[in-house]
PDB file of N, CA and C in Angstrom:
ATOM      1  N   MET A   1     178.038  74.129  84.549  1.00  0.00           N
ATOM      2  CA  MET A   1     176.683  74.488  84.895  1.00  0.00           C
ATOM      3  C   MET A   1     176.380  74.008  86.318  1.00  0.00           C
ATOM      4  N   LYS A   2     175.684  74.830  87.075  1.00  0.00           N
ATOM      5  CA  LYS A   2     175.345  74.487  88.448  1.00  0.00           C
ATOM      6  C   LYS A   2     174.185  73.506  88.468  1.00  0.00           C
ATOM      7  N   SER A   3     174.057  72.772  89.567  1.00  0.00           N
ATOM      8  CA  SER A   3     173.020  71.748  89.665  1.00  0.00           C
ATOM      9  C   SER A   3     171.635  72.378  89.827  1.00  0.00           C
ATOM     10  N   ARG A   4     170.645  71.497  89.786  1.00  0.00           N
ATOM     11  CA  ARG A   4     169.256  71.914  89.917  1.00  0.00           C
ATOM     12  C   ARG A   4     169.074  72.747  91.174  1.00  0.00           C
ATOM     13  N   ILE A   5     168.254  73.763  91.078  1.00  0.00           N
ATOM     14  CA  ILE A   5     168.050  74.681  92.196  1.00  0.00           C
ATOM     15  C   ILE A   5     167.203  74.009  93.283  1.00  0.00           C
ATOM     16  N   SER A   6     167.636  74.156  94.526  1.00  0.00           N
ATOM     17  CA  SER A   6     166.935  73.540  95.655  1.00  0.00           C
ATOM     18  C   SER A   6     165.856  74.477  96.192  1.00  0.00           C
ATOM     19  N   LEU A   7     164.990  73.899  96.990  1.00  0.00           N
ATOM     20  CA  LEU A   7     163.931  74.685  97.623  1.00  0.00           C
ATOM     21  C   LEU A   7     164.526  75.756  98.539  1.00  0.00           C
ATOM     22  N   VAL A   8     165.629  75.446  99.182  1.00  0.00           N
ATOM     23  CA  VAL A   8     166.302  76.418 100.057  1.00  0.00           C
ATOM     24  C   VAL A   8     166.785  77.618  99.242  1.00  0.00           C
ATOM     25  N   LEU A   9     167.382  77.354  98.078  1.00  0.00           N
ATOM     26  CA  LEU A   9     167.868  78.456  97.249  1.00  0.00           C
ATOM     27  C   LEU A   9     166.718  79.259  96.649  1.00  0.00           C
ATOM     28  N   ILE A  10     165.633  78.578  96.278  1.00  0.00           N
ATOM     29  CA  ILE A  10     164.463  79.309  95.785  1.00  0.00           C
ATOM     30  C   ILE A  10     163.923  80.213  96.892  1.00  0.00           C
ATOM     31  N   SER A  11     163.876  79.689  98.111  1.00  0.00           N
ATOM     32  CA  SER A  11     163.416  80.496  99.252  1.00  0.00           C
ATOM     33  C   SER A  11     164.337  81.684  99.490  1.00  0.00           C
ATOM     34  N   ALA A  12     165.639  81.472  99.372  1.00  0.00           N
ATOM     35  CA  ALA A  12     166.598  82.567  99.534  1.00  0.00           C
ATOM     36  C   ALA A  12     166.406  83.615  98.444  1.00  0.00           C
ATOM     37  N   LEU A  13     166.191  83.156  97.208  1.00  0.00           N
ATOM     38  CA  LEU A  13     165.933  84.093  96.107  1.00  0.00           C
ATOM     39  C   LEU A  13     164.680  84.912  96.380  1.00  0.00           C
ATOM     40  N   GLN A  14     163.624  84.254  96.853  1.00  0.00           N
ATOM     41  CA  GLN A  14     162.383  84.963  97.132  1.00  0.00           C
ATOM     42  C   GLN A  14     162.545  85.928  98.304  1.00  0.00           C
ATOM     43  N   GLY A  15     163.277  85.522  99.318  1.00  0.00           N
ATOM     44  CA  GLY A  15     163.548  86.431 100.434  1.00  0.00           C
ATOM     45  C   GLY A  15     164.293  87.672  99.962  1.00  0.00           C
ATOM     46  N   CYS A  16     165.260  87.451  99.109  1.00  0.00           N
ATOM     47  CA  CYS A  16     166.027  88.561  98.549  1.00  0.00           C
ATOM     48  C   CYS A  16     165.126  89.471  97.716  1.00  0.00           C
ATOM     49  N   THR A  17     164.247  88.866  96.936  1.00  0.00           N
ATOM     50  CA  THR A  17     163.321  89.627  96.107  1.00  0.00           C
ATOM     51  C   THR A  17     162.342  90.424  96.961  1.00  0.00           C
ATOM     52  N   ILE A  18     161.897  89.840  98.056  1.00  0.00           N
ATOM     53  CA  ILE A  18     161.000  90.559  98.967  1.00  0.00           C
ATOM     54  C   ILE A  18     161.711  91.773  99.563  1.00  0.00           C
ATOM     55  N   ILE A  19     162.962  91.612  99.932  1.00  0.00           N
ATOM     56  CA  ILE A  19     163.736  92.743 100.460  1.00  0.00           C
ATOM     57  C   ILE A  19     163.819  93.856  99.413  1.00  0.00           C
ATOM     58  N   PHE A  20     164.024  93.473  98.151  1.00  0.00           N
ATOM     59  CA  PHE A  20     164.069  94.458  97.067  1.00  0.00           C
ATOM     60  C   PHE A  20     162.726  95.180  96.940  1.00  0.00           C
ATOM     61  N   ALA A  21     161.623  94.423  97.041  1.00  0.00           N
ATOM     62  CA  ALA A  21     160.292  95.027  96.959  1.00  0.00           C
ATOM     63  C   ALA A  21     160.040  95.965  98.142  1.00  0.00           C
ATOM     64  N   VAL A  22     160.512  95.592  99.321  1.00  0.00           N
ATOM     65  CA  VAL A  22     160.345  96.446 100.507  1.00  0.00           C
ATOM     66  C   VAL A  22     161.091  97.766 100.328  1.00  0.00           C
ATOM     67  N   SER A  23     162.227  97.730  99.649  1.00  0.00           N
ATOM     68  CA  SER A  23     162.951  98.986  99.403  1.00  0.00           C
ATOM     69  C   SER A  23     162.101  99.933  98.562  1.00  0.00           C
ATOM     70  N   SER A  24     161.337  99.383  97.627  1.00  0.00           N
ATOM     71  CA  SER A  24     160.446 100.212  96.807  1.00  0.00           C
ATOM     72  C   SER A  24     159.326 100.824  97.643  1.00  0.00           C
ATOM     73  N   ILE A  25     158.841 100.060  98.609  1.00  0.00           N
ATOM     74  CA  ILE A  25     157.809 100.576  99.507  1.00  0.00           C
ATOM     75  C   ILE A  25     158.353 101.774 100.280  1.00  0.00           C
ATOM     76  N   CYS A  26     159.576 101.645 100.764  1.00  0.00           N
ATOM     77  CA  CYS A  26     160.204 102.756 101.494  1.00  0.00           C
ATOM     78  C   CYS A  26     160.322 103.985 100.595  1.00  0.00           C
ATOM     79  N   GLY A  27     160.676 103.761  99.333  1.00  0.00           N
ATOM     80  CA  GLY A  27     160.768 104.878  98.390  1.00  0.00           C
ATOM     81  C   GLY A  27     159.430 105.559  98.182  1.00  0.00           C
ATOM     82  N   LYS A  28     158.374 104.756  98.069  1.00  0.00           N
ATOM     83  CA  LYS A  28     157.042 105.339  97.892  1.00  0.00           C
ATOM     84  C   LYS A  28     156.612 106.100  99.143  1.00  0.00           C
ATOM     85  N   LEU A  29     156.924 105.556 100.312  1.00  0.00           N
ATOM     86  CA  LEU A  29     156.588 106.257 101.551  1.00  0.00           C
ATOM     87  C   LEU A  29     157.391 107.551 101.683  1.00  0.00           C
ATOM     88  N   ALA A  30     158.642 107.543 101.246  1.00  0.00           N
ATOM     89  CA  ALA A  30     159.456 108.763 101.284  1.00  0.00           C
ATOM     90  C   ALA A  30     158.849 109.852 100.404  1.00  0.00           C
ATOM     91  N   SER A  31     158.256 109.449  99.290  1.00  0.00           N
ATOM     92  CA  SER A  31     157.700 110.429  98.353  1.00  0.00           C
ATOM     93  C   SER A  31     156.494 111.172  98.905  1.00  0.00           C
ATOM     94  N   ARG A  32     155.949 110.705  99.992  1.00  0.00           N
ATOM     95  CA  ARG A  32     154.804 111.384 100.617  1.00  0.00           C
ATOM     96  C   ARG A  32     155.207 112.630 101.405  1.00  0.00           C
ATOM     97  N   TYR A  33     156.497 112.793 101.635  1.00  0.00           N
ATOM     98  CA  TYR A  33     156.971 113.895 102.476  1.00  0.00           C
ATOM     99  C   TYR A  33     157.779 114.895 101.661  1.00  0.00           C
ATOM    100  N   ASP A  34     157.916 116.094 102.213  1.00  0.00           N
ATOM    101  CA  ASP A  34     158.714 117.130 101.562  1.00  0.00           C
ATOM    102  C   ASP A  34     160.160 116.676 101.444  1.00  0.00           C
ATOM    103  N   PHE A  35     160.768 117.032 100.319  1.00  0.00           N
ATOM    104  CA  PHE A  35     162.157 116.673 100.046  1.00  0.00           C
ATOM    105  C   PHE A  35     163.060 117.149 101.182  1.00  0.00           C
ATOM    106  N   LEU A  36     163.880 116.253 101.698  1.00  0.00           N
ATOM    107  CA  LEU A  36     164.847 116.465 102.769  1.00  0.00           C
ATOM    108  C   LEU A  36     164.223 116.735 104.143  1.00  0.00           C
ATOM    109  N   SER A  37     162.913 116.516 104.273  1.00  0.00           N
ATOM    110  CA  SER A  37     162.309 116.612 105.606  1.00  0.00           C
ATOM    111  C   SER A  37     162.758 115.402 106.425  1.00  0.00           C
ATOM    112  N   GLU A  38     162.514 115.445 107.719  1.00  0.00           N
ATOM    113  CA  GLU A  38     162.945 114.368 108.598  1.00  0.00           C
ATOM    114  C   GLU A  38     162.331 113.019 108.184  1.00  0.00           C
ATOM    115  N   ASN A  39     161.020 113.025 107.915  1.00  0.00           N
ATOM    116  CA  ASN A  39     160.352 111.787 107.511  1.00  0.00           C
ATOM    117  C   ASN A  39     160.850 111.300 106.145  1.00  0.00           C
ATOM    118  N   TYR A  40     161.074 112.227 105.230  1.00  0.00           N
ATOM    119  CA  TYR A  40     161.605 111.853 103.918  1.00  0.00           C
ATOM    120  C   TYR A  40     162.956 111.158 104.081  1.00  0.00           C
ATOM    121  N   LEU A  41     163.836 111.771 104.856  1.00  0.00           N
ATOM    122  CA  LEU A  41     165.171 111.200 105.055  1.00  0.00           C
ATOM    123  C   LEU A  41     165.111 109.835 105.736  1.00  0.00           C
ATOM    124  N   LEU A  42     164.200 109.673 106.684  1.00  0.00           N
ATOM    125  CA  LEU A  42     164.047 108.389 107.360  1.00  0.00           C
ATOM    126  C   LEU A  42     163.695 107.289 106.360  1.00  0.00           C
ATOM    127  N   TRP A  43     162.666 107.515 105.549  1.00  0.00           N
ATOM    128  CA  TRP A  43     162.251 106.504 104.572  1.00  0.00           C
ATOM    129  C   TRP A  43     163.305 106.301 103.488  1.00  0.00           C
ATOM    130  N   PHE A  44     163.949 107.381 103.081  1.00  0.00           N
ATOM    131  CA  PHE A  44     164.997 107.272 102.059  1.00  0.00           C
ATOM    132  C   PHE A  44     166.175 106.453 102.577  1.00  0.00           C
ATOM    133  N   LEU A  45     166.581 106.702 103.819  1.00  0.00           N
ATOM    134  CA  LEU A  45     167.686 105.936 104.401  1.00  0.00           C
ATOM    135  C   LEU A  45     167.302 104.467 104.607  1.00  0.00           C
ATOM    136  N   LEU A  46     166.058 104.213 104.972  1.00  0.00           N
ATOM    137  CA  LEU A  46     165.593 102.826 105.077  1.00  0.00           C
ATOM    138  C   LEU A  46     165.622 102.140 103.704  1.00  0.00           C
ATOM    139  N   GLU A  47     165.245 102.890 102.682  1.00  0.00           N
ATOM    140  CA  GLU A  47     165.309 102.345 101.318  1.00  0.00           C
ATOM    141  C   GLU A  47     166.748 101.965 100.967  1.00  0.00           C
ATOM    142  N   LEU A  48     167.688 102.844 101.266  1.00  0.00           N
ATOM    143  CA  LEU A  48     169.097 102.547 101.000  1.00  0.00           C
ATOM    144  C   LEU A  48     169.590 101.357 101.814  1.00  0.00           C
ATOM    145  N   LEU A  49     169.150 101.258 103.054  1.00  0.00           N
ATOM    146  CA  LEU A  49     169.526 100.124 103.899  1.00  0.00           C
ATOM    147  C   LEU A  49     169.042  98.808 103.282  1.00  0.00           C
ATOM    148  N   PHE A  50     167.763  98.769 102.892  1.00  0.00           N
ATOM    149  CA  PHE A  50     167.229  97.552 102.277  1.00  0.00           C
ATOM    150  C   PHE A  50     167.931  97.235 100.959  1.00  0.00           C
ATOM    151  N   LEU A  51     168.254  98.256 100.174  1.00  0.00           N
ATOM    152  CA  LEU A  51     168.977  98.013  98.927  1.00  0.00           C
ATOM    153  C   LEU A  51     170.376  97.467  99.193  1.00  0.00           C
ATOM    154  N   GLY A  52     171.026  97.946 100.252  1.00  0.00           N
ATOM    155  CA  GLY A  52     172.344  97.439 100.615  1.00  0.00           C
ATOM    156  C   GLY A  52     172.286  95.981 101.047  1.00  0.00           C
ATOM    157  N   ILE A  53     171.292  95.656 101.869  1.00  0.00           N
ATOM    158  CA  ILE A  53     171.105  94.266 102.308  1.00  0.00           C
ATOM    159  C   ILE A  53     170.822  93.382 101.099  1.00  0.00           C
ATOM    160  N   TYR A  54     169.950  93.870 100.226  1.00  0.00           N
ATOM    161  CA  TYR A  54     169.616  93.124  99.014  1.00  0.00           C
ATOM    162  C   TYR A  54     170.870  92.862  98.174  1.00  0.00           C
ATOM    163  N   ALA A  55     171.696  93.874  97.980  1.00  0.00           N
ATOM    164  CA  ALA A  55     172.895  93.727  97.142  1.00  0.00           C
ATOM    165  C   ALA A  55     173.847  92.666  97.700  1.00  0.00           C
ATOM    166  N   ILE A  56     174.026  92.689  98.997  1.00  0.00           N
ATOM    167  CA  ILE A  56     174.913  91.704  99.634  1.00  0.00           C
ATOM    168  C   ILE A  56     174.355  90.294  99.488  1.00  0.00           C
ATOM    169  N   LEU A  57     173.062  90.132  99.785  1.00  0.00           N
ATOM    170  CA  LEU A  57     172.444  88.814  99.672  1.00  0.00           C
ATOM    171  C   LEU A  57     172.424  88.320  98.226  1.00  0.00           C
ATOM    172  N   TRP A  58     172.135  89.217  97.293  1.00  0.00           N
ATOM    173  CA  TRP A  58     172.098  88.859  95.870  1.00  0.00           C
ATOM    174  C   TRP A  58     173.455  88.322  95.415  1.00  0.00           C
ATOM    175  N   GLN A  59     174.522  88.976  95.838  1.00  0.00           N
ATOM    176  CA  GLN A  59     175.863  88.514  95.458  1.00  0.00           C
ATOM    177  C   GLN A  59     176.136  87.112  95.989  1.00  0.00           C
ATOM    178  N   GLN A  60     175.657  86.825  97.190  1.00  0.00           N
ATOM    179  CA  GLN A  60     175.859  85.493  97.761  1.00  0.00           C
ATOM    180  C   GLN A  60     175.026  84.439  97.028  1.00  0.00           C
ATOM    181  N   ILE A  61     173.826  84.811  96.639  1.00  0.00           N
ATOM    182  CA  ILE A  61     172.943  83.866  95.953  1.00  0.00           C
ATOM    183  C   ILE A  61     173.472  83.524  94.567  1.00  0.00           C
ATOM    184  N   ILE A  62     173.951  84.527  93.824  1.00  0.00           N
ATOM    185  CA  ILE A  62     174.388  84.225  92.458  1.00  0.00           C
ATOM    186  C   ILE A  62     175.685  83.423  92.427  1.00  0.00           C
ATOM    187  N   LYS A  63     176.335  83.268  93.570  1.00  0.00           N
ATOM    188  CA  LYS A  63     177.478  82.361  93.641  1.00  0.00           C
ATOM    189  C   LYS A  63     177.013  80.909  93.561  1.00  0.00           C
ATOM    190  N   LYS A  64     175.760  80.666  93.982  1.00  0.00           N
ATOM    191  CA  LYS A  64     175.257  79.303  94.099  1.00  0.00           C
ATOM    192  C   LYS A  64     174.224  78.918  93.044  1.00  0.00           C
ATOM    193  N   VAL A  65     173.729  79.901  92.302  1.00  0.00           N
ATOM    194  CA  VAL A  65     172.639  79.670  91.352  1.00  0.00           C
ATOM    195  C   VAL A  65     173.055  80.209  89.985  1.00  0.00           C
ATOM    196  N   ASP A  66     172.681  79.499  88.928  1.00  0.00           N
ATOM    197  CA  ASP A  66     172.919  80.026  87.583  1.00  0.00           C
ATOM    198  C   ASP A  66     172.277  81.398  87.464  1.00  0.00           C
ATOM    199  N   ILE A  67     172.972  82.313  86.832  1.00  0.00           N
ATOM    200  CA  ILE A  67     172.491  83.688  86.730  1.00  0.00           C
ATOM    201  C   ILE A  67     171.157  83.765  85.983  1.00  0.00           C
ATOM    202  N   SER A  68     170.963  82.913  84.984  1.00  0.00           N
ATOM    203  CA  SER A  68     169.692  82.921  84.243  1.00  0.00           C
ATOM    204  C   SER A  68     168.535  82.522  85.157  1.00  0.00           C
ATOM    205  N   VAL A  69     168.760  81.579  86.035  1.00  0.00           N
ATOM    206  CA  VAL A  69     167.738  81.145  86.984  1.00  0.00           C
ATOM    207  C   VAL A  69     167.495  82.248  88.021  1.00  0.00           C
ATOM    208  N   ALA A  70     168.554  82.846  88.518  1.00  0.00           N
ATOM    209  CA  ALA A  70     168.417  83.905  89.515  1.00  0.00           C
ATOM    210  C   ALA A  70     167.624  85.082  88.954  1.00  0.00           C
ATOM    211  N   TYR A  71     167.949  85.517  87.742  1.00  0.00           N
ATOM    212  CA  TYR A  71     167.233  86.645  87.161  1.00  0.00           C
ATOM    213  C   TYR A  71     165.793  86.295  86.822  1.00  0.00           C
ATOM    214  N   ALA A  72     165.544  85.068  86.406  1.00  0.00           N
ATOM    215  CA  ALA A  72     164.159  84.668  86.145  1.00  0.00           C
ATOM    216  C   ALA A  72     163.344  84.729  87.429  1.00  0.00           C
ATOM    217  N   ASN A  73     163.916  84.263  88.531  1.00  0.00           N
ATOM    218  CA  ASN A  73     163.214  84.310  89.819  1.00  0.00           C
ATOM    219  C   ASN A  73     163.071  85.729  90.346  1.00  0.00           C
ATOM    220  N   LYS A  74     163.974  86.596  89.960  1.00  0.00           N
ATOM    221  CA  LYS A  74     163.901  87.996  90.391  1.00  0.00           C
ATOM    222  C   LYS A  74     162.648  88.680  89.844  1.00  0.00           C
ATOM    223  N   ALA A  75     162.114  88.126  88.756  1.00  0.00           N
ATOM    224  CA  ALA A  75     160.910  88.704  88.158  1.00  0.00           C
ATOM    225  C   ALA A  75     159.709  88.641  89.096  1.00  0.00           C
ATOM    226  N   THR A  76     159.785  87.826  90.147  1.00  0.00           N
ATOM    227  CA  THR A  76     158.670  87.753  91.094  1.00  0.00           C
ATOM    228  C   THR A  76     158.513  89.042  91.891  1.00  0.00           C
ATOM    229  N   VAL A  77     159.462  89.951  91.761  1.00  0.00           N
ATOM    230  CA  VAL A  77     159.322  91.245  92.436  1.00  0.00           C
ATOM    231  C   VAL A  77     158.035  91.937  91.988  1.00  0.00           C
ATOM    232  N   ILE A  78     157.578  91.652  90.767  1.00  0.00           N
ATOM    233  CA  ILE A  78     156.309  92.206  90.282  1.00  0.00           C
ATOM    234  C   ILE A  78     155.163  91.715  91.178  1.00  0.00           C
ATOM    235  N   PHE A  79     155.163  90.424  91.478  1.00  0.00           N
ATOM    236  CA  PHE A  79     154.125  89.861  92.347  1.00  0.00           C
ATOM    237  C   PHE A  79     154.184  90.482  93.732  1.00  0.00           C
ATOM    238  N   TRP A  80     155.384  90.498  94.330  1.00  0.00           N
ATOM    239  CA  TRP A  80     155.514  91.021  95.685  1.00  0.00           C
ATOM    240  C   TRP A  80     155.137  92.499  95.745  1.00  0.00           C
ATOM    241  N   SER A  81     155.557  93.273  94.757  1.00  0.00           N
ATOM    242  CA  SER A  81     155.217  94.703  94.728  1.00  0.00           C
ATOM    243  C   SER A  81     153.708  94.903  94.608  1.00  0.00           C
ATOM    244  N   MET A  82     153.077  94.107  93.758  1.00  0.00           N
ATOM    245  CA  MET A  82     151.629  94.199  93.590  1.00  0.00           C
ATOM    246  C   MET A  82     150.915  93.836  94.891  1.00  0.00           C
ATOM    247  N   LEU A  83     151.382  92.780  95.548  1.00  0.00           N
ATOM    248  CA  LEU A  83     150.778  92.351  96.811  1.00  0.00           C
ATOM    249  C   LEU A  83     150.945  93.425  97.889  1.00  0.00           C
ATOM    250  N   PHE A  84     152.154  93.969  98.019  1.00  0.00           N
ATOM    251  CA  PHE A  84     152.397  95.012  99.021  1.00  0.00           C
ATOM    252  C   PHE A  84     151.609  96.277  98.711  1.00  0.00           C
ATOM    253  N   ALA A  85     151.502  96.630  97.430  1.00  0.00           N
ATOM    254  CA  ALA A  85     150.734  97.821  97.042  1.00  0.00           C
ATOM    255  C   ALA A  85     149.263  97.650  97.414  1.00  0.00           C
ATOM    256  N   PHE A  86     148.755  96.454  97.243  1.00  0.00           N
ATOM    257  CA  PHE A  86     147.369  96.165  97.604  1.00  0.00           C
ATOM    258  C   PHE A  86     147.173  96.242  99.120  1.00  0.00           C
ATOM    259  N   VAL A  87     148.066  95.596  99.874  1.00  0.00           N
ATOM    260  CA  VAL A  87     147.918  95.504 101.331  1.00  0.00           C
ATOM    261  C   VAL A  87     148.224  96.837 102.017  1.00  0.00           C
ATOM    262  N   ILE A  88     149.301  97.492 101.614  1.00  0.00           N
ATOM    263  CA  ILE A  88     149.756  98.694 102.324  1.00  0.00           C
ATOM    264  C   ILE A  88     149.105  99.969 101.805  1.00  0.00           C
ATOM    265  N   PHE A  89     148.966 100.072 100.464  1.00  0.00           N
ATOM    266  CA  PHE A  89     148.487 101.320  99.871  1.00  0.00           C
ATOM    267  C   PHE A  89     147.071 101.216  99.305  1.00  0.00           C
ATOM    268  N   ASN A  90     146.421 100.062  99.511  1.00  0.00           N
ATOM    269  CA  ASN A  90     145.056  99.844  99.007  1.00  0.00           C
ATOM    270  C   ASN A  90     144.935 100.063  97.501  1.00  0.00           C
ATOM    271  N   GLU A  91     145.978  99.733  96.761  1.00  0.00           N
ATOM    272  CA  GLU A  91     145.929  99.861  95.305  1.00  0.00           C
ATOM    273  C   GLU A  91     145.151  98.687  94.725  1.00  0.00           C
ATOM    274  N   LYS A  92     144.530  98.928  93.592  1.00  0.00           N
ATOM    275  CA  LYS A  92     143.678  97.938  92.952  1.00  0.00           C
ATOM    276  C   LYS A  92     144.511  96.916  92.183  1.00  0.00           C
ATOM    277  N   ILE A  93     144.086  95.659  92.228  1.00  0.00           N
ATOM    278  CA  ILE A  93     144.684  94.600  91.417  1.00  0.00           C
ATOM    279  C   ILE A  93     143.687  94.271  90.314  1.00  0.00           C
ATOM    280  N   THR A  94     144.127  94.406  89.068  1.00  0.00           N
ATOM    281  CA  THR A  94     143.237  94.164  87.944  1.00  0.00           C
ATOM    282  C   THR A  94     143.420  92.751  87.399  1.00  0.00           C
ATOM    283  N   LEU A  95     142.497  92.361  86.551  1.00  0.00           N
ATOM    284  CA  LEU A  95     142.596  91.067  85.890  1.00  0.00           C
ATOM    285  C   LEU A  95     143.887  90.973  85.077  1.00  0.00           C
ATOM    286  N   MET A  96     144.257  92.048  84.414  1.00  0.00           N
ATOM    287  CA  MET A  96     145.495  92.052  83.621  1.00  0.00           C
ATOM    288  C   MET A  96     146.723  91.885  84.521  1.00  0.00           C
ATOM    289  N   ASN A  97     146.690  92.464  85.726  1.00  0.00           N
ATOM    290  CA  ASN A  97     147.780  92.259  86.688  1.00  0.00           C
ATOM    291  C   ASN A  97     147.918  90.776  87.022  1.00  0.00           C
ATOM    292  N   ILE A  98     146.795  90.146  87.285  1.00  0.00           N
ATOM    293  CA  ILE A  98     146.799  88.732  87.650  1.00  0.00           C
ATOM    294  C   ILE A  98     147.299  87.876  86.488  1.00  0.00           C
ATOM    295  N   ILE A  99     146.824  88.157  85.286  1.00  0.00           N
ATOM    296  CA  ILE A  99     147.279  87.410  84.106  1.00  0.00           C
ATOM    297  C   ILE A  99     148.780  87.594  83.916  1.00  0.00           C
ATOM    298  N   GLY A 100     149.264  88.806  84.082  1.00  0.00           N
ATOM    299  CA  GLY A 100     150.698  89.078  83.952  1.00  0.00           C
ATOM    300  C   GLY A 100     151.526  88.301  84.952  1.00  0.00           C
ATOM    301  N   VAL A 101     151.077  88.259  86.194  1.00  0.00           N
ATOM    302  CA  VAL A 101     151.798  87.519  87.231  1.00  0.00           C
ATOM    303  C   VAL A 101     151.788  86.022  86.925  1.00  0.00           C
ATOM    304  N   ILE A 102     150.660  85.512  86.455  1.00  0.00           N
ATOM    305  CA  ILE A 102     150.592  84.090  86.089  1.00  0.00           C
ATOM    306  C   ILE A 102     151.586  83.778  84.974  1.00  0.00           C
ATOM    307  N   LEU A 103     151.663  84.632  83.975  1.00  0.00           N
ATOM    308  CA  LEU A 103     152.628  84.432  82.881  1.00  0.00           C
ATOM    309  C   LEU A 103     154.068  84.471  83.397  1.00  0.00           C
ATOM    310  N   ILE A 104     154.338  85.377  84.310  1.00  0.00           N
ATOM    311  CA  ILE A 104     155.686  85.468  84.899  1.00  0.00           C
ATOM    312  C   ILE A 104     156.022  84.179  85.635  1.00  0.00           C
ATOM    313  N   PHE A 105     155.090  83.687  86.440  1.00  0.00           N
ATOM    314  CA  PHE A 105     155.344  82.455  87.185  1.00  0.00           C
ATOM    315  C   PHE A 105     155.504  81.255  86.250  1.00  0.00           C
ATOM    316  N   MET A 106     154.747  81.227  85.166  1.00  0.00           N
ATOM    317  CA  MET A 106     154.905  80.145  84.191  1.00  0.00           C
ATOM    318  C   MET A 106     156.313  80.174  83.591  1.00  0.00           C
ATOM    319  N   GLY A 107     156.799  81.356  83.291  1.00  0.00           N
ATOM    320  CA  GLY A 107     158.153  81.488  82.759  1.00  0.00           C
ATOM    321  C   GLY A 107     159.208  81.060  83.760  1.00  0.00           C
ATOM    322  N   ILE A 108     159.008  81.417  85.002  1.00  0.00           N
ATOM    323  CA  ILE A 108     159.964  81.040  86.054  1.00  0.00           C
ATOM    324  C   ILE A 108     160.009  79.525  86.205  1.00  0.00           C
ATOM    325  N   VAL A 109     158.845  78.894  86.191  1.00  0.00           N
ATOM    326  CA  VAL A 109     158.805  77.430  86.303  1.00  0.00           C
ATOM    327  C   VAL A 109     159.561  76.797  85.141  1.00  0.00           C
ATOM    328  N   MET A 110     159.380  77.332  83.944  1.00  0.00           N
ATOM    329  CA  MET A 110     160.069  76.791  82.773  1.00  0.00           C
ATOM    330  C   MET A 110     161.584  76.930  82.898  1.00  0.00           C
ATOM    331  N   VAL A 111     162.051  78.052  83.411  1.00  0.00           N
ATOM    332  CA  VAL A 111     163.488  78.276  83.569  1.00  0.00           C
ATOM    333  C   VAL A 111     164.051  77.382  84.675  1.00  0.00           C
ATOM    334  N   ASN A 112     163.291  77.195  85.745  1.00  0.00           N
ATOM    335  CA  ASN A 112     163.765  76.406  86.881  1.00  0.00           C
ATOM    336  C   ASN A 112     163.747  74.893  86.634  1.00  0.00           C
ATOM    337  N   ARG A 113     163.019  74.483  85.610  1.00  0.00           N
ATOM    338  CA  ARG A 113     162.975  73.037  85.317  1.00  0.00           C
ATOM    339  C   ARG A 113     164.342  72.516  84.953  1.00  0.00           C
ATOM    340  N   ASN A 114     164.602  71.316  85.379  1.00  0.00           N
ATOM    341  CA  ASN A 114     165.868  70.671  85.063  1.00  0.00           C
ATOM    342  C   ASN A 114     165.719  69.900  83.757  1.00  0.00           C
ATOM    343  N   ASP A 115     166.361  70.384  82.691  1.00  0.00           N
ATOM    344  CA  ASP A 115     166.237  69.731  81.384  1.00  0.00           C
ATOM    345  C   ASP A 115     167.216  68.601  81.240  1.00  0.00           C
TER     346      ASP A 115
END
């Protein structure tokens, strides 16, 4: 079993998760344009680029972190996606969204604790 997760590794996990969330933003922006149009292809290729970067970084992170901890922290993509949707697309954040994110973070804290 790997040792307790450090703040540096948690930060790396969150950075990786943010990159994954940004790829989703690119996908949503691509959907605003006609299929195979220049703008569609630009956003689609950016989405693939971010997914490629994410995949490489994820592989490096799971070498250093227990997979159960890494996947638990990956759940924060819900928070980042909700935040980006609010800031970029002016989407509404509901009370249930907030409660859900709080529950996710509570679960992550429980998994990250050193027993």
